[in-house]
Amino acid sequence: MRNRTVNPLLAKYTYYRTRHASGCRLVPAREEASLTQRELAGRMGTSQAAIARLEAGGVGATVTTIQRIADTLGLTPTIELHRPAA
C-alpha cells in the first residue's frame, strides 16, 4: 500500500462534495416517484426533516439508509469508485 499525504482541506472538500452529490441524486429520484419529502419520510419511518437534511447534503447517508431509500423508491443503489483526477 502506498503511503500518501492527503491535504486536509482537500479531504474535507471531497467529503462534503460527496454528501452534496448524493443529496442531489435523491431529489430527482423522489420527484420522479411523485413523492414529497414528507411522503417519502412516512414510507421510510423517518422524519421529513431527515429527508431534507439528506437532500441538502447536511448529513451523510449510510449504506443502510441508501438501501432503504432505494427500496422505498423501487430503485437499485449503485456505488461507483473512480481514481482522483490528476
N, C-alpha and C. Protein backbone atom coordinates (compact mmCIF):
# COMPACT_ATOMS: atom_id res chain seq x y z
N MET A 1 0.84 -1.18 0.00
CA MET A 1 0.00 0.00 0.00
C MET A 1 0.88 1.23 0.00
N ARG A 2 0.52 2.20 -0.81
CA ARG A 2 1.28 3.42 -0.94
C ARG A 2 0.93 4.39 0.17
N ASN A 3 1.95 4.97 0.80
CA ASN A 3 1.73 5.98 1.82
C ASN A 3 1.63 7.33 1.11
N ARG A 4 0.50 7.99 1.24
CA ARG A 4 0.27 9.23 0.53
C ARG A 4 -0.21 10.29 1.51
N THR A 5 0.38 11.46 1.46
CA THR A 5 -0.04 12.57 2.29
C THR A 5 -1.28 13.20 1.66
N VAL A 6 -2.29 13.41 2.47
CA VAL A 6 -3.54 13.98 1.98
C VAL A 6 -3.70 15.38 2.54
N ASN A 7 -4.00 16.31 1.66
CA ASN A 7 -4.27 17.68 2.07
C ASN A 7 -5.57 17.69 2.86
N PRO A 8 -5.56 18.12 4.12
CA PRO A 8 -6.77 18.06 4.94
C PRO A 8 -7.92 18.91 4.37
N LEU A 9 -7.61 20.04 3.75
CA LEU A 9 -8.68 20.85 3.16
C LEU A 9 -9.30 20.16 1.96
N LEU A 10 -8.47 19.50 1.15
CA LEU A 10 -8.98 18.77 0.00
C LEU A 10 -9.84 17.59 0.47
N ALA A 11 -9.39 16.92 1.52
CA ALA A 11 -10.15 15.80 2.05
C ALA A 11 -11.53 16.26 2.54
N LYS A 12 -11.56 17.39 3.25
CA LYS A 12 -12.83 17.92 3.75
C LYS A 12 -13.74 18.34 2.59
N TYR A 13 -13.16 18.98 1.58
CA TYR A 13 -13.92 19.38 0.39
C TYR A 13 -14.53 18.15 -0.29
N THR A 14 -13.73 17.12 -0.48
CA THR A 14 -14.19 15.90 -1.13
C THR A 14 -15.31 15.25 -0.33
N TYR A 15 -15.17 15.24 0.99
CA TYR A 15 -16.18 14.66 1.88
C TYR A 15 -17.52 15.37 1.69
N TYR A 16 -17.52 16.69 1.75
CA TYR A 16 -18.77 17.45 1.62
C TYR A 16 -19.31 17.42 0.19
N ARG A 17 -18.43 17.40 -0.80
CA ARG A 17 -18.88 17.32 -2.19
C ARG A 17 -19.62 16.00 -2.42
N THR A 18 -19.11 14.93 -1.86
CA THR A 18 -19.75 13.62 -1.99
C THR A 18 -21.12 13.62 -1.34
N ARG A 19 -21.23 14.21 -0.14
CA ARG A 19 -22.52 14.28 0.53
C ARG A 19 -23.51 15.10 -0.28
N HIS A 20 -23.06 16.22 -0.83
CA HIS A 20 -23.94 17.08 -1.62
C HIS A 20 -24.39 16.34 -2.89
N ALA A 21 -23.47 15.66 -3.55
CA ALA A 21 -23.81 14.93 -4.77
C ALA A 21 -24.85 13.86 -4.50
N SER A 22 -24.74 13.19 -3.36
CA SER A 22 -25.72 12.16 -3.01
C SER A 22 -27.10 12.78 -2.83
N GLY A 23 -27.15 13.91 -2.15
CA GLY A 23 -28.42 14.59 -1.96
C GLY A 23 -29.02 15.06 -3.27
N CYS A 24 -28.17 15.53 -4.18
CA CYS A 24 -28.65 16.00 -5.48
C CYS A 24 -29.26 14.86 -6.29
N ARG A 25 -28.80 13.65 -6.08
CA ARG A 25 -29.36 12.50 -6.80
C ARG A 25 -30.68 12.04 -6.18
N LEU A 26 -30.85 12.31 -4.90
CA LEU A 26 -32.06 11.89 -4.21
C LEU A 26 -33.27 12.70 -4.66
N VAL A 27 -33.11 14.00 -4.85
CA VAL A 27 -34.25 14.86 -5.19
C VAL A 27 -34.95 14.40 -6.47
N PRO A 28 -34.24 14.25 -7.61
CA PRO A 28 -34.95 13.83 -8.81
C PRO A 28 -35.56 12.43 -8.69
N ALA A 29 -34.91 11.54 -7.96
CA ALA A 29 -35.46 10.19 -7.78
C ALA A 29 -36.77 10.26 -6.99
N ARG A 30 -36.79 11.08 -5.95
CA ARG A 30 -38.01 11.25 -5.15
C ARG A 30 -39.11 11.91 -5.98
N GLU A 31 -38.73 12.95 -6.72
CA GLU A 31 -39.72 13.66 -7.54
C GLU A 31 -40.26 12.78 -8.67
N GLU A 32 -39.41 11.93 -9.24
CA GLU A 32 -39.86 11.01 -10.29
C GLU A 32 -40.91 10.04 -9.75
N ALA A 33 -40.78 9.71 -8.47
CA ALA A 33 -41.76 8.83 -7.83
C ALA A 33 -43.00 9.61 -7.38
N SER A 34 -43.02 10.91 -7.68
CA SER A 34 -44.14 11.80 -7.31
C SER A 34 -44.40 11.80 -5.81
N LEU A 35 -43.31 11.84 -5.04
CA LEU A 35 -43.42 11.87 -3.58
C LEU A 35 -42.88 13.18 -3.04
N THR A 36 -43.52 13.69 -2.01
CA THR A 36 -42.97 14.82 -1.28
C THR A 36 -41.96 14.27 -0.27
N GLN A 37 -41.20 15.17 0.32
CA GLN A 37 -40.28 14.73 1.38
C GLN A 37 -41.05 14.06 2.51
N ARG A 38 -42.18 14.64 2.86
CA ARG A 38 -42.99 14.09 3.95
C ARG A 38 -43.50 12.69 3.62
N GLU A 39 -43.94 12.48 2.37
CA GLU A 39 -44.44 11.17 1.97
C GLU A 39 -43.32 10.13 1.96
N LEU A 40 -42.16 10.50 1.43
CA LEU A 40 -41.02 9.56 1.45
C LEU A 40 -40.64 9.22 2.88
N ALA A 41 -40.57 10.24 3.71
CA ALA A 41 -40.22 10.02 5.12
C ALA A 41 -41.22 9.08 5.79
N GLY A 42 -42.51 9.29 5.52
CA GLY A 42 -43.55 8.44 6.12
C GLY A 42 -43.39 6.99 5.70
N ARG A 43 -43.10 6.78 4.44
CA ARG A 43 -42.92 5.40 3.95
C ARG A 43 -41.67 4.74 4.52
N MET A 44 -40.68 5.57 4.87
CA MET A 44 -39.42 5.04 5.41
C MET A 44 -39.44 4.96 6.93
N GLY A 45 -40.43 5.59 7.55
CA GLY A 45 -40.47 5.60 9.01
C GLY A 45 -39.48 6.58 9.61
N THR A 46 -39.27 7.70 8.93
CA THR A 46 -38.36 8.72 9.44
C THR A 46 -39.07 10.07 9.34
N SER A 47 -38.36 11.14 9.60
CA SER A 47 -38.98 12.47 9.57
C SER A 47 -38.71 13.19 8.25
N GLN A 48 -39.58 14.14 7.95
CA GLN A 48 -39.39 14.98 6.76
C GLN A 48 -38.08 15.75 6.90
N ALA A 49 -37.76 16.19 8.10
CA ALA A 49 -36.52 16.94 8.32
C ALA A 49 -35.29 16.09 7.98
N ALA A 50 -35.34 14.80 8.28
CA ALA A 50 -34.21 13.92 7.97
C ALA A 50 -34.03 13.81 6.46
N ILE A 51 -35.12 13.72 5.72
CA ILE A 51 -35.03 13.66 4.25
C ILE A 51 -34.48 14.98 3.72
N ALA A 52 -34.96 16.09 4.27
CA ALA A 52 -34.47 17.41 3.84
C ALA A 52 -32.97 17.54 4.07
N ARG A 53 -32.47 17.06 5.22
CA ARG A 53 -31.03 17.13 5.50
C ARG A 53 -30.24 16.27 4.52
N LEU A 54 -30.75 15.09 4.21
CA LEU A 54 -30.09 14.22 3.23
C LEU A 54 -30.03 14.89 1.86
N GLU A 55 -31.14 15.46 1.43
CA GLU A 55 -31.20 16.10 0.12
C GLU A 55 -30.29 17.32 0.04
N ALA A 56 -30.15 18.03 1.14
CA ALA A 56 -29.31 19.23 1.16
C ALA A 56 -27.83 18.90 1.35
N GLY A 57 -27.53 17.64 1.64
CA GLY A 57 -26.14 17.26 1.90
C GLY A 57 -25.68 17.62 3.29
N GLY A 58 -26.64 17.94 4.17
CA GLY A 58 -26.29 18.32 5.54
C GLY A 58 -25.82 17.16 6.38
N VAL A 59 -26.19 15.96 5.99
CA VAL A 59 -25.74 14.75 6.68
C VAL A 59 -25.37 13.72 5.63
N GLY A 60 -24.47 12.84 5.98
CA GLY A 60 -24.11 11.75 5.08
C GLY A 60 -25.05 10.58 5.29
N ALA A 61 -25.36 9.88 4.24
CA ALA A 61 -26.24 8.71 4.34
C ALA A 61 -25.41 7.45 4.47
N THR A 62 -25.82 6.58 5.36
CA THR A 62 -25.17 5.29 5.48
C THR A 62 -25.64 4.40 4.32
N VAL A 63 -24.94 3.33 4.10
CA VAL A 63 -25.35 2.38 3.06
C VAL A 63 -26.74 1.83 3.39
N THR A 64 -27.01 1.62 4.65
CA THR A 64 -28.33 1.12 5.07
C THR A 64 -29.42 2.13 4.70
N THR A 65 -29.17 3.41 4.95
CA THR A 65 -30.15 4.45 4.61
C THR A 65 -30.34 4.53 3.11
N ILE A 66 -29.27 4.47 2.36
CA ILE A 66 -29.37 4.50 0.89
C ILE A 66 -30.20 3.31 0.41
N GLN A 67 -30.00 2.14 1.00
CA GLN A 67 -30.76 0.96 0.61
C GLN A 67 -32.24 1.14 0.95
N ARG A 68 -32.54 1.72 2.11
CA ARG A 68 -33.94 1.96 2.49
C ARG A 68 -34.61 2.93 1.52
N ILE A 69 -33.89 3.98 1.13
CA ILE A 69 -34.43 4.95 0.18
C ILE A 69 -34.69 4.26 -1.15
N ALA A 70 -33.69 3.51 -1.62
CA ALA A 70 -33.83 2.81 -2.90
C ALA A 70 -35.01 1.84 -2.87
N ASP A 71 -35.14 1.07 -1.80
CA ASP A 71 -36.26 0.13 -1.69
C ASP A 71 -37.59 0.87 -1.73
N THR A 72 -37.67 1.98 -1.03
CA THR A 72 -38.91 2.76 -0.98
C THR A 72 -39.26 3.34 -2.35
N LEU A 73 -38.24 3.74 -3.12
CA LEU A 73 -38.47 4.34 -4.43
C LEU A 73 -38.47 3.31 -5.56
N GLY A 74 -38.25 2.04 -5.22
CA GLY A 74 -38.24 0.99 -6.24
C GLY A 74 -37.00 1.06 -7.12
N LEU A 75 -35.88 1.45 -6.52
CA LEU A 75 -34.63 1.60 -7.26
C LEU A 75 -33.58 0.63 -6.74
N THR A 76 -32.50 0.50 -7.49
CA THR A 76 -31.35 -0.29 -7.06
C THR A 76 -30.17 0.65 -6.86
N PRO A 77 -29.60 0.69 -5.67
CA PRO A 77 -28.47 1.59 -5.45
C PRO A 77 -27.20 1.04 -6.08
N THR A 78 -26.32 1.92 -6.50
CA THR A 78 -25.01 1.52 -7.00
C THR A 78 -23.95 2.39 -6.36
N ILE A 79 -22.78 1.84 -6.25
CA ILE A 79 -21.63 2.60 -5.72
C ILE A 79 -20.56 2.59 -6.80
N GLU A 80 -20.06 3.76 -7.12
CA GLU A 80 -19.02 3.88 -8.13
C GLU A 80 -17.72 4.33 -7.47
N LEU A 81 -16.64 3.74 -7.91
CA LEU A 81 -15.31 4.13 -7.43
C LEU A 81 -14.51 4.65 -8.61
N HIS A 82 -13.88 5.80 -8.43
CA HIS A 82 -13.11 6.42 -9.50
C HIS A 82 -11.74 6.84 -8.96
N ARG A 83 -10.78 6.83 -9.83
CA ARG A 83 -9.47 7.38 -9.48
C ARG A 83 -9.59 8.89 -9.45
N PRO A 84 -8.90 9.55 -8.51
CA PRO A 84 -8.95 11.00 -8.47
C PRO A 84 -8.29 11.59 -9.73
N ALA A 85 -8.81 12.74 -10.13
CA ALA A 85 -8.22 13.43 -11.29
C ALA A 85 -6.81 13.89 -10.94
N ALA A 86 -5.94 13.78 -11.89
CA ALA A 86 -4.54 14.14 -11.63
C ALA A 86 -4.33 15.63 -11.61
